[in-house]
Protein backbone atom coordinates (compact mmCIF):
# COMPACT_ATOMS: atom_id res chain seq x y z
CA MET A 1 87.12 56.04 94.80
CA ASP A 2 90.60 54.55 94.60
CA PRO A 3 92.60 56.41 91.90
CA ILE A 4 93.78 53.10 90.46
CA GLN A 5 90.22 51.73 90.25
CA ASN A 6 89.09 55.03 88.76
CA ARG A 7 91.86 54.88 86.15
CA PHE A 8 91.02 51.30 85.19
CA GLY A 9 87.30 52.09 85.15
CA TYR A 10 87.86 55.04 82.84
CA GLY A 11 90.11 52.93 80.63
CA ALA A 12 87.47 50.22 80.32
CA GLN A 13 84.82 52.80 79.40
CA ALA A 14 87.11 54.39 76.82
CA GLN A 15 87.89 51.00 75.29
CA SER A 16 84.17 50.12 75.20
CA ALA A 17 83.38 53.45 73.54
CA ALA A 18 86.13 52.89 70.96
CA LEU A 19 84.77 49.43 70.14
CA PHE A 20 81.25 50.83 69.77
CA ASP A 21 82.48 53.62 67.48
CA GLU A 22 84.36 51.14 65.31
CA GLY A 23 81.33 48.86 65.13
CA LEU A 24 79.12 51.81 64.19
CA ARG A 25 81.58 52.92 61.51
CA GLN A 26 81.59 49.42 59.99
CA HIS A 27 77.79 49.33 60.13
CA MET A 28 77.42 52.66 58.33
CA LEU A 29 79.98 51.63 55.71
CA ARG A 30 77.93 48.47 55.11
CA VAL A 31 74.78 50.57 54.69
CA TYR A 32 76.43 52.90 52.18
CA ASN A 33 78.04 50.00 50.31
CA TYR A 34 74.67 48.28 49.92
CA MET A 35 73.09 51.52 48.79
CA GLY A 36 75.90 52.27 46.34
CA LEU A 37 75.77 48.81 44.80
CA GLY A 38 71.99 49.14 44.55
CA LEU A 39 72.38 52.38 42.59
CA VAL A 40 74.89 50.70 40.27
CA ILE A 41 72.44 47.86 39.58
CA THR A 42 69.63 50.35 38.95
CA GLY A 43 71.75 52.44 36.60
CA LEU A 44 72.99 49.45 34.60
CA VAL A 45 69.52 47.95 34.17
CA ALA A 46 68.05 51.34 33.19
CA PHE A 47 70.80 51.99 30.64
CA VAL A 48 70.69 48.52 29.08
CA VAL A 49 66.90 48.55 28.75
CA SER A 50 66.92 52.08 27.27
CA GLN A 51 69.45 50.97 24.64
CA THR A 52 67.48 47.85 23.67
CA PRO A 53 64.33 48.58 21.63
CA ALA A 54 63.24 44.95 21.93
CA LEU A 55 62.91 45.58 25.68
CA TYR A 56 61.66 49.14 26.07
CA VAL A 57 59.16 49.22 23.20
CA PRO A 58 56.92 46.40 24.56
CA ILE A 59 57.10 48.00 28.02
CA PHE A 60 56.65 51.74 27.51
CA SER A 61 54.28 51.62 24.52
CA THR A 62 51.77 49.31 26.21
CA PRO A 63 49.81 49.24 29.50
CA LEU A 64 52.69 47.16 30.85
CA LYS A 65 54.39 50.44 31.69
CA TRP A 66 51.98 50.87 34.63
CA VAL A 67 53.02 47.51 36.02
CA VAL A 68 56.68 48.50 35.72
CA MET A 69 56.04 51.90 37.32
CA LEU A 70 54.09 50.48 40.27
CA ALA A 71 56.25 47.39 40.86
CA PRO A 72 58.88 49.27 42.94
CA LEU A 73 56.14 50.54 45.26
CA ALA A 74 54.90 46.97 45.74
CA PHE A 75 58.46 45.91 46.60
CA VAL A 76 58.75 48.66 49.22
CA PHE A 77 55.51 47.61 50.93
CA PHE A 78 56.54 43.96 50.82
CA PHE A 79 59.96 44.79 52.24
CA SER A 80 58.53 46.95 55.03
CA PHE A 81 56.04 44.34 56.21
CA ARG A 82 58.27 41.26 55.87
CA ILE A 83 61.72 42.51 56.92
CA GLN A 84 61.29 41.20 60.49
CA THR A 85 60.56 37.66 59.32
CA MET A 86 63.16 37.54 56.53
CA SER A 87 66.61 36.09 56.90
CA ALA A 88 69.50 38.46 56.21
CA SER A 89 70.32 36.70 52.93
CA THR A 90 66.69 36.90 51.75
CA ALA A 91 66.59 40.59 52.65
CA GLN A 92 69.70 41.20 50.54
CA ILE A 93 68.32 39.28 47.55
CA THR A 94 65.02 41.17 47.81
CA PHE A 95 66.89 44.47 47.91
CA TRP A 96 68.94 43.63 44.80
CA ALA A 97 65.76 42.52 43.00
CA PHE A 98 64.07 45.77 43.99
CA CYS A 99 67.00 47.79 42.62
CA ALA A 100 66.79 45.90 39.31
CA VAL A 101 63.04 46.53 39.05
CA MET A 102 63.61 50.20 39.84
CA GLY A 103 66.15 50.27 37.02
CA LEU A 104 63.52 48.88 34.67
CA SER A 105 61.16 51.64 35.77
CA LEU A 106 63.81 54.35 35.33
CA ALA A 107 64.80 53.26 31.83
CA SER A 108 62.46 55.92 30.48
CA VAL A 109 64.78 58.57 31.94
CA PHE A 110 67.40 57.71 29.32
CA LEU A 111 64.74 57.91 26.60
CA VAL A 112 63.46 61.35 27.64
CA PHE A 113 66.51 63.28 28.88
CA THR A 114 69.95 63.89 27.38
CA GLY A 115 72.89 61.92 28.72
CA THR A 116 74.67 65.15 29.72
CA SER A 117 71.77 66.40 31.85
CA ILE A 118 71.38 62.97 33.46
CA ALA A 119 75.06 62.90 34.42
CA ARG A 120 74.98 66.50 35.68
CA THR A 121 71.86 65.89 37.76
CA PHE A 122 73.34 62.69 39.18
CA PHE A 123 76.42 64.52 40.47
CA ILE A 124 74.28 67.34 41.89
CA THR A 125 72.13 64.75 43.64
CA ALA A 126 75.19 62.92 44.97
CA THR A 127 76.60 66.17 46.37
CA MET A 128 73.33 67.18 48.06
CA PHE A 129 72.75 63.67 49.38
CA GLY A 130 76.30 63.35 50.69
CA ALA A 131 76.17 66.70 52.47
CA MET A 132 72.83 66.01 54.16
CA SER A 133 73.73 62.44 55.10
CA LEU A 134 76.97 63.69 56.65
CA TYR A 135 74.99 66.30 58.55
CA GLY A 136 72.55 63.68 59.80
CA TYR A 137 75.43 61.48 60.96
CA THR A 138 77.49 64.17 62.71
CA THR A 139 74.91 66.59 64.14
CA LYS A 140 74.13 66.51 67.84
CA ARG A 141 70.72 68.02 67.15
CA ASP A 142 67.77 65.67 67.57
CA LEU A 143 66.09 65.50 64.15
CA SER A 144 63.26 63.24 65.30
CA LYS A 145 60.97 66.23 65.87
CA PHE A 146 61.10 66.93 62.15
CA GLY A 147 60.10 63.35 61.31
CA SER A 148 56.33 63.79 61.42
CA PHE A 149 56.56 67.01 59.40
CA LEU A 150 58.70 65.32 56.73
CA MET A 151 56.41 62.30 56.55
CA MET A 152 53.40 64.58 56.11
CA GLY A 153 55.26 66.33 53.32
CA LEU A 154 56.10 62.99 51.72
CA ILE A 155 52.47 61.86 51.82
CA GLY A 156 51.42 65.18 50.30
CA VAL A 157 53.94 64.82 47.48
CA VAL A 158 52.80 61.26 46.73
CA ILE A 159 49.10 62.22 46.67
CA ALA A 160 49.75 65.28 44.50
CA SER A 161 51.86 63.19 42.11
CA VAL A 162 49.07 60.63 41.69
CA VAL A 163 46.51 63.39 41.08
CA ASN A 164 48.79 65.03 38.54
CA ILE A 165 49.01 61.81 36.54
CA PHE A 166 45.40 62.54 35.51
CA LEU A 167 45.64 66.35 35.42
CA GLY A 168 48.96 66.67 33.60
CA SER A 169 49.53 70.14 35.04
CA THR A 170 53.05 71.50 34.49
CA ALA A 171 52.57 74.09 37.25
CA LEU A 172 51.56 71.41 39.75
CA GLN A 173 54.46 69.22 38.65
CA PHE A 174 56.88 72.10 39.22
CA ALA A 175 55.47 72.68 42.72
CA ILE A 176 55.66 68.95 43.49
CA SER A 177 59.30 68.83 42.37
CA VAL A 178 60.36 71.85 44.43
CA ILE A 179 58.59 70.71 47.59
CA GLY A 180 59.75 67.13 47.01
CA VAL A 181 63.40 68.19 46.84
CA PHE A 182 63.15 69.82 50.28
CA VAL A 183 61.30 66.80 51.68
CA PHE A 184 63.85 64.24 50.49
CA VAL A 185 66.81 66.42 51.48
CA GLY A 186 65.37 66.50 54.99
CA LEU A 187 64.57 62.79 54.97
CA THR A 188 68.17 62.01 54.02
CA ALA A 189 69.49 63.66 57.20
CA TRP A 190 66.67 62.22 59.33
CA ASP A 191 67.07 58.66 58.03
CA THR A 192 70.85 58.78 58.46
CA GLN A 193 70.46 59.80 62.09
CA ASN A 194 67.88 57.04 62.62
CA ILE A 195 70.16 54.41 61.10
CA LYS A 196 72.98 55.57 63.36
CA GLU A 197 70.82 55.51 66.49
CA GLN A 198 69.30 52.10 65.73
CA TYR A 199 72.72 50.45 65.75
CA ALA A 200 73.47 48.47 68.89
CA GLU A 201 76.77 46.74 69.60
CA ASN A 202 75.12 43.74 71.26
CA MET A 203 72.92 42.93 68.24
CA ASP A 204 73.61 39.58 66.61
CA GLN A 205 75.14 39.46 63.14
CA GLU A 206 71.85 38.50 61.48
CA SER A 207 70.01 41.48 62.97
CA GLN A 208 72.82 43.89 62.11
CA GLN A 209 72.81 42.63 58.53
CA LYS A 210 69.06 43.16 58.14
CA LEU A 211 69.29 46.57 59.77
CA ALA A 212 71.99 47.54 57.26
CA VAL A 213 69.87 46.37 54.31
CA PHE A 214 66.79 48.24 55.51
CA GLY A 215 68.89 51.34 56.16
CA ALA A 216 70.33 51.09 52.65
CA LEU A 217 66.79 50.86 51.26
CA SER A 218 65.77 54.06 53.06
CA LEU A 219 68.76 56.04 51.81
CA TYR A 220 68.47 54.53 48.33
CA LEU A 221 64.85 55.70 48.04
CA ASN A 222 65.81 59.20 49.17
CA PHE A 223 68.60 59.36 46.58
CA VAL A 224 66.51 58.04 43.67
CA ASN A 225 63.55 60.29 44.41
CA LEU A 226 65.79 63.32 44.86
CA PHE A 227 67.46 62.52 41.53
CA GLN A 228 64.14 62.22 39.71
CA LEU A 229 62.78 65.46 41.17
CA LEU A 230 65.93 67.42 40.34
CA LEU A 231 65.94 65.95 36.84
CA SER A 232 62.37 67.10 36.27
CA LEU A 233 63.44 70.60 37.32
CA THR A 234 66.78 70.95 35.55
CA GLY A 235 66.99 68.12 33.00
CA GLN A 236 67.25 68.81 29.27
CA ARG A 237 64.92 66.71 27.15
CA GLU A 238 65.89 64.93 23.98
CA GLU A 239 64.78 66.79 20.85
């Protein structure tokens, strides 16, 4: 090959790679920004509700608490099945609504645990999440082979949690929390790698926007569940 053609060909490839890397960086920043804002919404709603007896008493002292607890799960199923047919703006609105409903569900955390333990657990969660998400983004190792194992673990944790609602076993709850922490730590790295690999430079803006929202939802769920499990293990309850 002509050295000049080779030089120009290499230059074009390098420029294309640089554009792809910049687009991927912007995409991941969008995902993390959505997730971060979602956590802020959840935290604010949870705190406000927990500080307002007129709101939390009718919810958590009546069967309405089951509606509030199950509503986030309904949102997740709705989101998963309808994301392909939603517009990007509708997907964003649905995500913000989900975060607000999750905040309503998590208001009980502020009623049960001390503010100090909540803050401490949040920072521990943020550190673990950040480390595993960074690993998932930077590692060259293919994490897809762990996907089925992690999903099986997740299903097991969900089933055991539902069973323990009726059993009320502290030993089972401890086991669920420990196993759940490992599952969601692994899912954080796995989901981050998936989000990275799903990005494509030639996707239209609408598709990229929806992909970012759905990616934010995945990471948000990992963070919230990891926080709740760690809090059940290390949190100090109000006396």
